Amino acid sequence: VLGADQSLSENIPRETLMHFAVRLGLLRLTWFLLQQPGGRG
């Protein structure tokens, strides 16, 4: 979910796919992303 570069630490401010899904209120997509690698992170 966070893209290919796993070296980026959680402290680097950035947009994620999760921000996108939540900002538009996409409940089903958010639920799907949560179950993918990087979703909870």
PDB file of all heavy atoms in Angstrom:
ATOM      1  N   VAL A   1       0.832  -1.205   0.000  1.00  0.00           N
ATOM      2  CA  VAL A   1       0.000   0.000   0.000  1.00  0.00           C
ATOM      3  C   VAL A   1       0.872   1.263   0.000  1.00  0.00           C
ATOM      4  O   VAL A   1       0.501   2.294  -0.554  1.00  0.00           O
ATOM      5  CB  VAL A   1      -0.949   0.001   1.228  1.00  0.00           C
ATOM      6  CG1 VAL A   1      -1.685   1.324   1.372  1.00  0.00           C
ATOM      7  CG2 VAL A   1      -1.946  -1.144   1.110  1.00  0.00           C
ATOM      8  N   LEU A   2       2.051   1.161   0.615  1.00  0.00           N
ATOM      9  CA  LEU A   2       2.926   2.327   0.732  1.00  0.00           C
ATOM     10  C   LEU A   2       3.894   2.478  -0.445  1.00  0.00           C
ATOM     11  O   LEU A   2       4.763   3.342  -0.424  1.00  0.00           O
ATOM     12  CB  LEU A   2       3.724   2.255   2.039  1.00  0.00           C
ATOM     13  CG  LEU A   2       2.856   2.238   3.304  1.00  0.00           C
ATOM     14  CD1 LEU A   2       3.697   1.993   4.532  1.00  0.00           C
ATOM     15  CD2 LEU A   2       2.085   3.538   3.436  1.00  0.00           C
ATOM     16  N   GLY A   3       3.762   1.616  -1.444  1.00  0.00           N
ATOM     17  CA  GLY A   3       4.666   1.716  -2.585  1.00  0.00           C
ATOM     18  C   GLY A   3       5.866   0.807  -2.414  1.00  0.00           C
ATOM     19  O   GLY A   3       6.008   0.117  -1.405  1.00  0.00           O
ATOM     20  N   ALA A   4       6.745   0.823  -3.404  1.00  0.00           N
ATOM     21  CA  ALA A   4       7.841  -0.151  -3.442  1.00  0.00           C
ATOM     22  C   ALA A   4       8.984   0.184  -2.482  1.00  0.00           C
ATOM     23  O   ALA A   4       9.691  -0.691  -2.008  1.00  0.00           O
ATOM     24  CB  ALA A   4       8.373  -0.255  -4.855  1.00  0.00           C
ATOM     25  N   ASP A   5       9.156   1.482  -2.182  1.00  0.00           N
ATOM     26  CA  ASP A   5      10.316   1.875  -1.378  1.00  0.00           C
ATOM     27  C   ASP A   5      10.050   1.694   0.108  1.00  0.00           C
ATOM     28  O   ASP A   5       9.561   2.594   0.790  1.00  0.00           O
ATOM     29  CB  ASP A   5      10.671   3.342  -1.683  1.00  0.00           C
ATOM     30  CG  ASP A   5      11.982   3.747  -1.002  1.00  0.00           C
ATOM     31  OD1 ASP A   5      12.597   2.886  -0.331  1.00  0.00           O
ATOM     32  OD2 ASP A   5      12.384   4.922  -1.133  1.00  0.00           O
ATOM     33  N   GLN A   6      10.384   0.502   0.605  1.00  0.00           N
ATOM     34  CA  GLN A   6      10.092   0.196   2.009  1.00  0.00           C
ATOM     35  C   GLN A   6      11.080   0.843   2.986  1.00  0.00           C
ATOM     36  O   GLN A   6      10.917   0.747   4.197  1.00  0.00           O
ATOM     37  CB  GLN A   6      10.092  -1.326   2.223  1.00  0.00           C
ATOM     38  CG  GLN A   6       9.005  -2.046   1.472  1.00  0.00           C
ATOM     39  CD  GLN A   6       7.631  -1.393   1.643  1.00  0.00           C
ATOM     40  OE1 GLN A   6       7.136  -1.262   2.755  1.00  0.00           O
ATOM     41  NE2 GLN A   6       7.039  -0.966   0.543  1.00  0.00           N
ATOM     42  N   SER A   7      12.116   1.517   2.445  1.00  0.00           N
ATOM     43  CA  SER A   7      13.117   2.106   3.337  1.00  0.00           C
ATOM     44  C   SER A   7      12.620   3.412   3.961  1.00  0.00           C
ATOM     45  O   SER A   7      13.185   3.915   4.912  1.00  0.00           O
ATOM     46  CB  SER A   7      14.417   2.356   2.564  1.00  0.00           C
ATOM     47  OG  SER A   7      14.151   3.310   1.540  1.00  0.00           O
ATOM     48  N   LEU A   8      11.538   3.973   3.388  1.00  0.00           N
ATOM     49  CA  LEU A   8      11.007   5.222   3.943  1.00  0.00           C
ATOM     50  C   LEU A   8      10.444   4.952   5.335  1.00  0.00           C
ATOM     51  O   LEU A   8       9.648   4.047   5.525  1.00  0.00           O
ATOM     52  CB  LEU A   8       9.882   5.773   3.049  1.00  0.00           C
ATOM     53  CG  LEU A   8      10.288   6.312   1.680  1.00  0.00           C
ATOM     54  CD1 LEU A   8       9.047   6.667   0.871  1.00  0.00           C
ATOM     55  CD2 LEU A   8      11.161   7.543   1.826  1.00  0.00           C
ATOM     56  N   SER A   9      10.867   5.746   6.309  1.00  0.00           N
ATOM     57  CA  SER A   9      10.374   5.503   7.666  1.00  0.00           C
ATOM     58  C   SER A   9       8.989   6.114   7.818  1.00  0.00           C
ATOM     59  O   SER A   9       8.553   6.931   7.003  1.00  0.00           O
ATOM     60  CB  SER A   9      11.317   6.119   8.699  1.00  0.00           C
ATOM     61  OG  SER A   9      11.016   7.493   8.849  1.00  0.00           O
ATOM     62  N   GLU A  10       8.313   5.732   8.876  1.00  0.00           N
ATOM     63  CA  GLU A  10       6.962   6.243   9.112  1.00  0.00           C
ATOM     64  C   GLU A  10       6.973   7.732   9.445  1.00  0.00           C
ATOM     65  O   GLU A  10       5.937   8.388   9.463  1.00  0.00           O
ATOM     66  CB  GLU A  10       6.278   5.450  10.232  1.00  0.00           C
ATOM     67  CG  GLU A  10       5.867   4.064   9.779  1.00  0.00           C
ATOM     68  CD  GLU A  10       4.992   3.333  10.790  1.00  0.00           C
ATOM     69  OE1 GLU A  10       4.643   3.942  11.818  1.00  0.00           O
ATOM     70  OE2 GLU A  10       4.678   2.163  10.541  1.00  0.00           O
ATOM     71  N   ASN A  11       8.166   8.260   9.748  1.00  0.00           N
ATOM     72  CA  ASN A  11       8.235   9.676  10.142  1.00  0.00           C
ATOM     73  C   ASN A  11       8.290  10.636   8.965  1.00  0.00           C
ATOM     74  O   ASN A  11       8.214  11.839   9.138  1.00  0.00           O
ATOM     75  CB  ASN A  11       9.458   9.913  11.045  1.00  0.00           C
ATOM     76  CG  ASN A  11       9.493   8.927  12.197  1.00  0.00           C
ATOM     77  OD1 ASN A  11       8.437   8.501  12.661  1.00  0.00           O
ATOM     78  ND2 ASN A  11      10.677   8.553  12.651  1.00  0.00           N
ATOM     79  N   ILE A  12       8.486  10.085   7.748  1.00  0.00           N
ATOM     80  CA  ILE A  12       8.544  10.981   6.590  1.00  0.00           C
ATOM     81  C   ILE A  12       7.124  11.322   6.156  1.00  0.00           C
ATOM     82  O   ILE A  12       6.350  10.439   5.813  1.00  0.00           O
ATOM     83  CB  ILE A  12       9.319  10.316   5.423  1.00  0.00           C
ATOM     84  CG1 ILE A  12      10.772  10.073   5.844  1.00  0.00           C
ATOM     85  CG2 ILE A  12       9.267  11.189   4.172  1.00  0.00           C
ATOM     86  CD1 ILE A  12      11.587   9.316   4.826  1.00  0.00           C
ATOM     87  N   PRO A  13       6.747  12.631   6.232  1.00  0.00           N
ATOM     88  CA  PRO A  13       5.379  12.989   5.855  1.00  0.00           C
ATOM     89  C   PRO A  13       5.138  12.753   4.370  1.00  0.00           C
ATOM     90  O   PRO A  13       5.951  13.129   3.539  1.00  0.00           O
ATOM     91  CB  PRO A  13       5.280  14.482   6.198  1.00  0.00           C
ATOM     92  CG  PRO A  13       6.658  14.946   6.467  1.00  0.00           C
ATOM     93  CD  PRO A  13       7.554  13.784   6.639  1.00  0.00           C
ATOM     94  N   ARG A  14       4.042  12.101   4.044  1.00  0.00           N
ATOM     95  CA  ARG A  14       3.709  11.842   2.641  1.00  0.00           C
ATOM     96  C   ARG A  14       2.263  11.396   2.498  1.00  0.00           C
ATOM     97  O   ARG A  14       1.640  10.942   3.442  1.00  0.00           O
ATOM     98  CB  ARG A  14       4.651  10.789   2.044  1.00  0.00           C
ATOM     99  CG  ARG A  14       4.623   9.422   2.717  1.00  0.00           C
ATOM    100  CD  ARG A  14       5.840   8.618   2.300  1.00  0.00           C
ATOM    101  NE  ARG A  14       5.806   7.220   2.660  1.00  0.00           N
ATOM    102  CZ  ARG A  14       6.179   6.737   3.835  1.00  0.00           C
ATOM    103  NH1 ARG A  14       6.573   7.556   4.791  1.00  0.00           N
ATOM    104  NH2 ARG A  14       6.146   5.437   4.075  1.00  0.00           N
ATOM    105  N   GLU A  15       1.774  11.540   1.276  1.00  0.00           N
ATOM    106  CA  GLU A  15       0.447  11.046   0.927  1.00  0.00           C
ATOM    107  C   GLU A  15       0.529   9.535   0.730  1.00  0.00           C
ATOM    108  O   GLU A  15       1.532   9.025   0.241  1.00  0.00           O
ATOM    109  CB  GLU A  15       0.007  11.627  -0.419  1.00  0.00           C
ATOM    110  CG  GLU A  15      -0.793  12.892  -0.435  1.00  0.00           C
ATOM    111  CD  GLU A  15      -1.950  12.984   0.531  1.00  0.00           C
ATOM    112  OE1 GLU A  15      -2.956  12.287   0.346  1.00  0.00           O
ATOM    113  OE2 GLU A  15      -1.854  13.769   1.482  1.00  0.00           O
ATOM    114  N   THR A  16      -0.536   8.815   1.066  1.00  0.00           N
ATOM    115  CA  THR A  16      -0.596   7.375   0.786  1.00  0.00           C
ATOM    116  C   THR A  16      -1.928   7.061   0.098  1.00  0.00           C
ATOM    117  O   THR A  16      -2.845   7.881   0.103  1.00  0.00           O
ATOM    118  CB  THR A  16      -0.510   6.539   2.086  1.00  0.00           C
ATOM    119  OG1 THR A  16      -1.706   6.766   2.836  1.00  0.00           O
ATOM    120  CG2 THR A  16       0.693   6.925   2.934  1.00  0.00           C
ATOM    121  N   LEU A  17      -2.002   5.863  -0.442  1.00  0.00           N
ATOM    122  CA  LEU A  17      -3.258   5.404  -1.043  1.00  0.00           C
ATOM    123  C   LEU A  17      -4.378   5.398  -0.003  1.00  0.00           C
ATOM    124  O   LEU A  17      -5.540   5.602  -0.322  1.00  0.00           O
ATOM    125  CB  LEU A  17      -3.094   3.973  -1.565  1.00  0.00           C
ATOM    126  CG  LEU A  17      -2.734   3.769  -3.027  1.00  0.00           C
ATOM    127  CD1 LEU A  17      -2.712   2.277  -3.326  1.00  0.00           C
ATOM    128  CD2 LEU A  17      -3.715   4.477  -3.952  1.00  0.00           C
ATOM    129  N   MET A  18      -3.994   5.153   1.258  1.00  0.00           N
ATOM    130  CA  MET A  18      -4.988   5.125   2.331  1.00  0.00           C
ATOM    131  C   MET A  18      -5.575   6.523   2.551  1.00  0.00           C
ATOM    132  O   MET A  18      -6.780   6.671   2.762  1.00  0.00           O
ATOM    133  CB  MET A  18      -4.343   4.593   3.617  1.00  0.00           C
ATOM    134  CG  MET A  18      -5.328   4.205   4.674  1.00  0.00           C
ATOM    135  SD  MET A  18      -6.356   2.777   4.200  1.00  0.00           S
ATOM    136  CE  MET A  18      -5.329   1.426   4.742  1.00  0.00           C
ATOM    137  N   HIS A  19      -4.720   7.553   2.477  1.00  0.00           N
ATOM    138  CA  HIS A  19      -5.225   8.933   2.568  1.00  0.00           C
ATOM    139  C   HIS A  19      -6.254   9.175   1.460  1.00  0.00           C
ATOM    140  O   HIS A  19      -7.316   9.746   1.689  1.00  0.00           O
ATOM    141  CB  HIS A  19      -4.080   9.955   2.398  1.00  0.00           C
ATOM    142  CG  HIS A  19      -3.197  10.128   3.599  1.00  0.00           C
ATOM    143  ND1 HIS A  19      -2.096   9.341   3.812  1.00  0.00           N
ATOM    144  CD2 HIS A  19      -3.253  11.006   4.641  1.00  0.00           C
ATOM    145  CE1 HIS A  19      -1.497   9.726   4.941  1.00  0.00           C
ATOM    146  NE2 HIS A  19      -2.178  10.733   5.463  1.00  0.00           N
ATOM    147  N   PHE A  20      -5.912   8.726   0.265  1.00  0.00           N
ATOM    148  CA  PHE A  20      -6.806   8.904  -0.885  1.00  0.00           C
ATOM    149  C   PHE A  20      -8.173   8.261  -0.633  1.00  0.00           C
ATOM    150  O   PHE A  20      -9.222   8.874  -0.801  1.00  0.00           O
ATOM    151  CB  PHE A  20      -6.169   8.304  -2.150  1.00  0.00           C
ATOM    152  CG  PHE A  20      -7.151   8.014  -3.253  1.00  0.00           C
ATOM    153  CD1 PHE A  20      -7.678   9.038  -4.024  1.00  0.00           C
ATOM    154  CD2 PHE A  20      -7.566   6.706  -3.507  1.00  0.00           C
ATOM    155  CE1 PHE A  20      -8.610   8.770  -5.035  1.00  0.00           C
ATOM    156  CE2 PHE A  20      -8.495   6.441  -4.518  1.00  0.00           C
ATOM    157  CZ  PHE A  20      -9.011   7.483  -5.273  1.00  0.00           C
ATOM    158  N   ALA A  21      -8.150   6.974  -0.233  1.00  0.00           N
ATOM    159  CA  ALA A  21      -9.401   6.225  -0.039  1.00  0.00           C
ATOM    160  C   ALA A  21     -10.257   6.861   1.055  1.00  0.00           C
ATOM    161  O   ALA A  21     -11.473   6.997   0.920  1.00  0.00           O
ATOM    162  CB  ALA A  21      -9.087   4.768   0.302  1.00  0.00           C
ATOM    163  N   VAL A  22      -9.592   7.280   2.137  1.00  0.00           N
ATOM    164  CA  VAL A  22     -10.331   7.867   3.262  1.00  0.00           C
ATOM    165  C   VAL A  22     -10.867   9.253   2.913  1.00  0.00           C
ATOM    166  O   VAL A  22     -12.004   9.601   3.234  1.00  0.00           O
ATOM    167  CB  VAL A  22      -9.427   7.934   4.523  1.00  0.00           C
ATOM    168  CG1 VAL A  22     -10.095   8.749   5.624  1.00  0.00           C
ATOM    169  CG2 VAL A  22      -9.123   6.528   5.026  1.00  0.00           C
ATOM    170  N   ARG A  23     -10.059  10.038   2.221  1.00  0.00           N
ATOM    171  CA  ARG A  23     -10.470  11.408   1.892  1.00  0.00           C
ATOM    172  C   ARG A  23     -11.757  11.410   1.066  1.00  0.00           C
ATOM    173  O   ARG A  23     -12.611  12.266   1.221  1.00  0.00           O
ATOM    174  CB  ARG A  23      -9.344  12.112   1.133  1.00  0.00           C
ATOM    175  CG  ARG A  23      -9.570  13.591   0.975  1.00  0.00           C
ATOM    176  CD  ARG A  23      -8.472  14.276   0.205  1.00  0.00           C
ATOM    177  NE  ARG A  23      -7.324  14.560   1.062  1.00  0.00           N
ATOM    178  CZ  ARG A  23      -6.176  13.899   0.990  1.00  0.00           C
ATOM    179  NH1 ARG A  23      -6.015  12.932   0.113  1.00  0.00           N
ATOM    180  NH2 ARG A  23      -5.183  14.216   1.787  1.00  0.00           N
ATOM    181  N   LEU A  24     -11.884  10.425   0.152  1.00  0.00           N
ATOM    182  CA  LEU A  24     -13.104  10.354  -0.656  1.00  0.00           C
ATOM    183  C   LEU A  24     -14.227   9.575   0.041  1.00  0.00           C
ATOM    184  O   LEU A  24     -15.327   9.495  -0.458  1.00  0.00           O
ATOM    185  CB  LEU A  24     -12.798   9.693  -2.010  1.00  0.00           C
ATOM    186  CG  LEU A  24     -12.213  10.595  -3.095  1.00  0.00           C
ATOM    187  CD1 LEU A  24     -11.993   9.794  -4.366  1.00  0.00           C
ATOM    188  CD2 LEU A  24     -13.117  11.781  -3.403  1.00  0.00           C
ATOM    189  N   GLY A  25     -13.907   8.977   1.181  1.00  0.00           N
ATOM    190  CA  GLY A  25     -14.930   8.214   1.898  1.00  0.00           C
ATOM    191  C   GLY A  25     -15.206   6.862   1.269  1.00  0.00           C
ATOM    192  O   GLY A  25     -16.332   6.373   1.284  1.00  0.00           O
ATOM    193  N   LEU A  26     -14.165   6.234   0.694  1.00  0.00           N
ATOM    194  CA  LEU A  26     -14.338   4.939   0.019  1.00  0.00           C
ATOM    195  C   LEU A  26     -14.175   3.795   1.024  1.00  0.00           C
ATOM    196  O   LEU A  26     -13.082   3.271   1.236  1.00  0.00           O
ATOM    197  CB  LEU A  26     -13.329   4.799  -1.127  1.00  0.00           C
ATOM    198  CG  LEU A  26     -13.320   5.963  -2.140  1.00  0.00           C
ATOM    199  CD1 LEU A  26     -12.249   5.752  -3.203  1.00  0.00           C
ATOM    200  CD2 LEU A  26     -14.690   6.132  -2.796  1.00  0.00           C
ATOM    201  N   LEU A  27     -15.284   3.428   1.634  1.00  0.00           N
ATOM    202  CA  LEU A  27     -15.277   2.443   2.721  1.00  0.00           C
ATOM    203  C   LEU A  27     -14.785   1.066   2.266  1.00  0.00           C
ATOM    204  O   LEU A  27     -13.939   0.457   2.909  1.00  0.00           O
ATOM    205  CB  LEU A  27     -16.700   2.326   3.280  1.00  0.00           C
ATOM    206  CG  LEU A  27     -16.864   1.608   4.616  1.00  0.00           C
ATOM    207  CD1 LEU A  27     -16.220   2.401   5.746  1.00  0.00           C
ATOM    208  CD2 LEU A  27     -18.341   1.413   4.938  1.00  0.00           C
ATOM    209  N   ARG A  28     -15.293   0.590   1.119  1.00  0.00           N
ATOM    210  CA  ARG A  28     -14.906  -0.753   0.658  1.00  0.00           C
ATOM    211  C   ARG A  28     -13.437  -0.802   0.249  1.00  0.00           C
ATOM    212  O   ARG A  28     -12.745  -1.783   0.498  1.00  0.00           O
ATOM    213  CB  ARG A  28     -15.764  -1.183  -0.540  1.00  0.00           C
ATOM    214  CG  ARG A  28     -17.252  -1.332  -0.229  1.00  0.00           C
ATOM    215  CD  ARG A  28     -17.992  -1.671  -1.525  1.00  0.00           C
ATOM    216  NE  ARG A  28     -19.426  -1.713  -1.407  1.00  0.00           N
ATOM    217  CZ  ARG A  28     -20.216  -0.652  -1.560  1.00  0.00           C
ATOM    218  NH1 ARG A  28     -19.694   0.544  -1.815  1.00  0.00           N
ATOM    219  NH2 ARG A  28     -21.526  -0.770  -1.457  1.00  0.00           N
ATOM    220  N   LEU A  29     -12.983   0.271  -0.407  1.00  0.00           N
ATOM    221  CA  LEU A  29     -11.588   0.300  -0.834  1.00  0.00           C
ATOM    222  C   LEU A  29     -10.657   0.373   0.385  1.00  0.00           C
ATOM    223  O   LEU A  29      -9.623  -0.288   0.434  1.00  0.00           O
ATOM    224  CB  LEU A  29     -11.326   1.478  -1.783  1.00  0.00           C
ATOM    225  CG  LEU A  29      -9.912   1.526  -2.367  1.00  0.00           C
ATOM    226  CD1 LEU A  29      -9.570   0.265  -3.159  1.00  0.00           C
ATOM    227  CD2 LEU A  29      -9.721   2.759  -3.261  1.00  0.00           C
ATOM    228  N   THR A  30     -11.047   1.170   1.380  1.00  0.00           N
ATOM    229  CA  THR A  30     -10.251   1.270   2.611  1.00  0.00           C
ATOM    230  C   THR A  30     -10.131  -0.105   3.270  1.00  0.00           C
ATOM    231  O   THR A  30      -9.053  -0.528   3.679  1.00  0.00           O
ATOM    232  CB  THR A  30     -10.907   2.259   3.594  1.00  0.00           C
ATOM    233  OG1 THR A  30     -11.003   3.545   2.956  1.00  0.00           O
ATOM    234  CG2 THR A  30     -10.086   2.415   4.860  1.00  0.00           C
ATOM    235  N   TRP A  31     -11.255  -0.802   3.367  1.00  0.00           N
ATOM    236  CA  TRP A  31     -11.284  -2.146   3.977  1.00  0.00           C
ATOM    237  C   TRP A  31     -10.369  -3.097   3.218  1.00  0.00           C
ATOM    238  O   TRP A  31      -9.618  -3.877   3.806  1.00  0.00           O
ATOM    239  CB  TRP A  31     -12.735  -2.639   3.983  1.00  0.00           C
ATOM    240  CG  TRP A  31     -12.952  -4.064   4.384  1.00  0.00           C
ATOM    241  CD1 TRP A  31     -13.585  -5.015   3.655  1.00  0.00           C
ATOM    242  CD2 TRP A  31     -12.565  -4.706   5.612  1.00  0.00           C
ATOM    243  NE1 TRP A  31     -13.602  -6.209   4.335  1.00  0.00           N
ATOM    244  CE2 TRP A  31     -12.988  -6.065   5.539  1.00  0.00           C
ATOM    245  CE3 TRP A  31     -11.890  -4.288   6.755  1.00  0.00           C
ATOM    246  CZ2 TRP A  31     -12.764  -6.980   6.563  1.00  0.00           C
ATOM    247  CZ3 TRP A  31     -11.662  -5.210   7.783  1.00  0.00           C
ATOM    248  CH2 TRP A  31     -12.107  -6.527   7.681  1.00  0.00           C
ATOM    249  N   PHE A  32     -10.385  -3.010   1.869  1.00  0.00           N
ATOM    250  CA  PHE A  32      -9.507  -3.845   1.051  1.00  0.00           C
ATOM    251  C   PHE A  32      -8.036  -3.496   1.323  1.00  0.00           C
ATOM    252  O   PHE A  32      -7.204  -4.376   1.545  1.00  0.00           O
ATOM    253  CB  PHE A  32      -9.817  -3.655  -0.442  1.00  0.00           C
ATOM    254  CG  PHE A  32      -8.832  -4.345  -1.342  1.00  0.00           C
ATOM    255  CD1 PHE A  32      -8.897  -5.713  -1.557  1.00  0.00           C
ATOM    256  CD2 PHE A  32      -7.808  -3.633  -1.959  1.00  0.00           C
ATOM    257  CE1 PHE A  32      -7.971  -6.367  -2.376  1.00  0.00           C
ATOM    258  CE2 PHE A  32      -6.880  -4.274  -2.773  1.00  0.00           C
ATOM    259  CZ  PHE A  32      -6.961  -5.638  -2.982  1.00  0.00           C
ATOM    260  N   LEU A  33      -7.700  -2.199   1.319  1.00  0.00           N
ATOM    261  CA  LEU A  33      -6.309  -1.772   1.526  1.00  0.00           C
ATOM    262  C   LEU A  33      -5.793  -2.174   2.910  1.00  0.00           C
ATOM    263  O   LEU A  33      -4.626  -2.519   3.065  1.00  0.00           O
ATOM    264  CB  LEU A  33      -6.179  -0.249   1.338  1.00  0.00           C
ATOM    265  CG  LEU A  33      -6.406   0.272  -0.088  1.00  0.00           C
ATOM    266  CD1 LEU A  33      -6.393   1.801  -0.107  1.00  0.00           C
ATOM    267  CD2 LEU A  33      -5.360  -0.277  -1.062  1.00  0.00           C
ATOM    268  N   LEU A  34      -6.682  -2.121   3.904  1.00  0.00           N
ATOM    269  CA  LEU A  34      -6.294  -2.505   5.269  1.00  0.00           C
ATOM    270  C   LEU A  34      -5.773  -3.934   5.331  1.00  0.00           C
ATOM    271  O   LEU A  34      -4.948  -4.269   6.179  1.00  0.00           O
ATOM    272  CB  LEU A  34      -7.498  -2.409   6.205  1.00  0.00           C
ATOM    273  CG  LEU A  34      -7.698  -1.116   6.972  1.00  0.00           C
ATOM    274  CD1 LEU A  34      -8.977  -1.213   7.784  1.00  0.00           C
ATOM    275  CD2 LEU A  34      -6.520  -0.817   7.887  1.00  0.00           C
ATOM    276  N   GLN A  35      -6.282  -4.774   4.448  1.00  0.00           N
ATOM    277  CA  GLN A  35      -5.903  -6.195   4.482  1.00  0.00           C
ATOM    278  C   GLN A  35      -4.636  -6.482   3.669  1.00  0.00           C
ATOM    279  O   GLN A  35      -4.147  -7.598   3.660  1.00  0.00           O
ATOM    280  CB  GLN A  35      -7.058  -7.041   3.948  1.00  0.00           C
ATOM    281  CG  GLN A  35      -8.304  -6.926   4.808  1.00  0.00           C
ATOM    282  CD  GLN A  35      -9.520  -7.506   4.113  1.00  0.00           C
ATOM    283  OE1 GLN A  35      -9.624  -8.713   3.926  1.00  0.00           O
ATOM    284  NE2 GLN A  35     -10.427  -6.653   3.696  1.00  0.00           N
ATOM    285  N   GLN A  36      -4.141  -5.452   2.966  1.00  0.00           N
ATOM    286  CA  GLN A  36      -2.941  -5.642   2.140  1.00  0.00           C
ATOM    287  C   GLN A  36      -1.679  -5.274   2.928  1.00  0.00           C
ATOM    288  O   GLN A  36      -1.744  -4.536   3.902  1.00  0.00           O
ATOM    289  CB  GLN A  36      -3.019  -4.762   0.877  1.00  0.00           C
ATOM    290  CG  GLN A  36      -4.274  -4.956   0.045  1.00  0.00           C
ATOM    291  CD  GLN A  36      -4.585  -6.419  -0.223  1.00  0.00           C
ATOM    292  OE1 GLN A  36      -3.744  -7.158  -0.725  1.00  0.00           O
ATOM    293  NE2 GLN A  36      -5.791  -6.843   0.142  1.00  0.00           N
ATOM    294  N   PRO A  37      -0.503  -5.775   2.471  1.00  0.00           N
ATOM    295  CA  PRO A  37       0.754  -5.388   3.109  1.00  0.00           C
ATOM    296  C   PRO A  37       0.889  -3.856   3.119  1.00  0.00           C
ATOM    297  O   PRO A  37       0.621  -3.205   2.119  1.00  0.00           O
ATOM    298  CB  PRO A  37       1.832  -6.013   2.218  1.00  0.00           C
ATOM    299  CG  PRO A  37       1.139  -7.109   1.475  1.00  0.00           C
ATOM    300  CD  PRO A  37      -0.292  -6.697   1.341  1.00  0.00           C
ATOM    301  N   GLY A  38       1.259  -3.304   4.259  1.00  0.00           N
ATOM    302  CA  GLY A  38       1.437  -1.846   4.375  1.00  0.00           C
ATOM    303  C   GLY A  38       0.153  -1.112   4.720  1.00  0.00           C
ATOM    304  O   GLY A  38       0.174   0.080   5.021  1.00  0.00           O
ATOM    305  N   GLY A  39      -0.969  -1.814   4.680  1.00  0.00           N
ATOM    306  CA  GLY A  39      -2.261  -1.171   4.939  1.00  0.00           C
ATOM    307  C   GLY A  39      -2.368  -0.601   6.340  1.00  0.00           C
ATOM    308  O   GLY A  39      -2.747   0.561   6.545  1.00  0.00           O
ATOM    309  N   ARG A  40      -2.010  -1.410   7.326  1.00  0.00           N
ATOM    310  CA  ARG A  40      -2.092  -0.935   8.712  1.00  0.00           C
ATOM    311  C   ARG A  40      -1.028   0.121   9.002  1.00  0.00           C
ATOM    312  O   ARG A  40      -1.268   1.074   9.729  1.00  0.00           O
ATOM    313  CB  ARG A  40      -1.986  -2.104   9.688  1.00  0.00           C
ATOM    314  CG  ARG A  40      -3.260  -2.909   9.706  1.00  0.00           C
ATOM    315  CD  ARG A  40      -3.149  -4.213  10.450  1.00  0.00           C
ATOM    316  NE  ARG A  40      -4.409  -4.934  10.328  1.00  0.00           N
ATOM    317  CZ  ARG A  40      -5.393  -4.863  11.221  1.00  0.00           C
ATOM    318  NH1 ARG A  40      -5.264  -4.093  12.295  1.00  0.00           N
ATOM    319  NH2 ARG A  40      -6.505  -5.554  11.058  1.00  0.00           N
ATOM    320  N   GLY A  41       0.147  -0.090   8.393  1.00  0.00           N
ATOM    321  CA  GLY A  41       1.230   0.882   8.582  1.00  0.00           C
ATOM    322  C   GLY A  41       0.847   2.269   8.078  1.00  0.00           C
ATOM    323  O   GLY A  41       1.252   3.289   8.631  1.00  0.00           O
TER     324      GLY A  41
END
